[in-house]
Amino acid sequence: MPFLGTTPTQGFVSAVTKQSFTPNGSTTAFTLSHSVANENDLEVFVGNVRQEPGSGKAYTAAGTTLTMSEAVASGVNFYVIFKNKAQVTTTPPVNSISTDKIANDAVTGAKIENNPTIAGNLTVSGDLAVDTNTLHVDSSNNKVGIGTTSPAETLEVVHATAPAIQLNRTNDGGFKSIIRQQGNDTEFRGSSGSTKIYTGAADGDSSTARLLIDANGHVTMPHQSAFSANLGVSSQSNIAVGSDITVEFDNEIFDQNADFNNTNHTFTAPVTGRYQFNITYYLETIDTATGYYYIYFDTSNRNYFNIFSPAFTADTSYLTLTLSVLADMDASDVAVAKIRQSHGSVQTDINANSYFSGYLVA
């Protein structure tokens, strides 16, 4: 029909649904093919005459049940029109559709442009998959997979031949480091500088360098237990005869990790392991009348000896005795360097240039 004025943006499409029934003169309740809120969603016709809806009138309706106040006679033309199936069509103004007008899960991937730009934050409440398994976030287990849709750890990187993670510093030369699995080998590939391993602090950044590999392959462990000591400027003179004497190594040449006590001349093992110990005794005024000298390491687990019998024709001025052992020690075990002259005269001195050293091997 012609009209005056601006073309309306709203109209109706033909979506009216009709349902016919076959009355039998006794049935008053009929099943509707579409659910309705109430009788006002229907137009009921009996013998092509529209009936009045409402309680106490011609009919009522709720859900999928139509109830007539009286049975419709057999053979009468009896049908309903569903008014609530008519659809409103509207051309909305630009930028006028808000999120509450769109049903949940109604927007499919086909309706999103190929390269969308999101200006704000993006929150994903479920799993996130990028190109199937290029990147997968498992929201149930709080794990991330690269190359896998079922990460076993907090972060798992999967590749058919050589999974790897690369760190790339770009602002001063493009230095790169790589962690890669090659076959059943794990590779740590450093850049042109040193590779360092730090431990000791909960926050990580405050930790101390424990193992260093420089660019030429030299490996150092700045806190690996190692020490060397001597008697300093004074000799230990006229050692007693017939008793075990602790040699007074009171001058530390170095004491890496501070495990040697130069006051009581004792090394204390910081951890359980294998320790290499070495002593060199520079003895003066050797008594040939004694039966023997023995030098030894006194450790918590066992003692290690080297014995010497000075079968000289006369006392000698100088003698060097050495002993090296690989000792097993538990954490907090101690090691002390000692000497014993069996008998004879009290005359032997231990020169200041005698040494006691040791280090953790494994």
Foldseek 3Di string as FASTA:
>chain_A
DDDDDDDAQKDWDPQKDKDWDFFAQADFKDFAPFFDQKCVQKFKAWLNHTWDDDPPGQWMHGTGIIGGPGGHHGPIGIMMIGNVRIDMGGDDDPPPDDPVVADPPRDDPVNDDPDDDDPDDDDDQAWDQDPNACWIAHNVVCAIEHNDNDDPDNYYYDDPAKTKDKDWDDPPDTFIWMFICGPPDTDTGGGQFKDFDFDDDPVVVPTDTQWIQGNVGDIDGQQFWKWKFFLPQDWAWLDDAADKFFGQRQGTPDTRNPQADNVVRKGFAQAWAKKKKKKKWKKFFAALPFQWKKKWKDKPVDIDIDIGRNPDPGTDGIDMDMDIDTDTDHGGIMITIIMHTHDDGRGMITDRPIMMIMGGDD
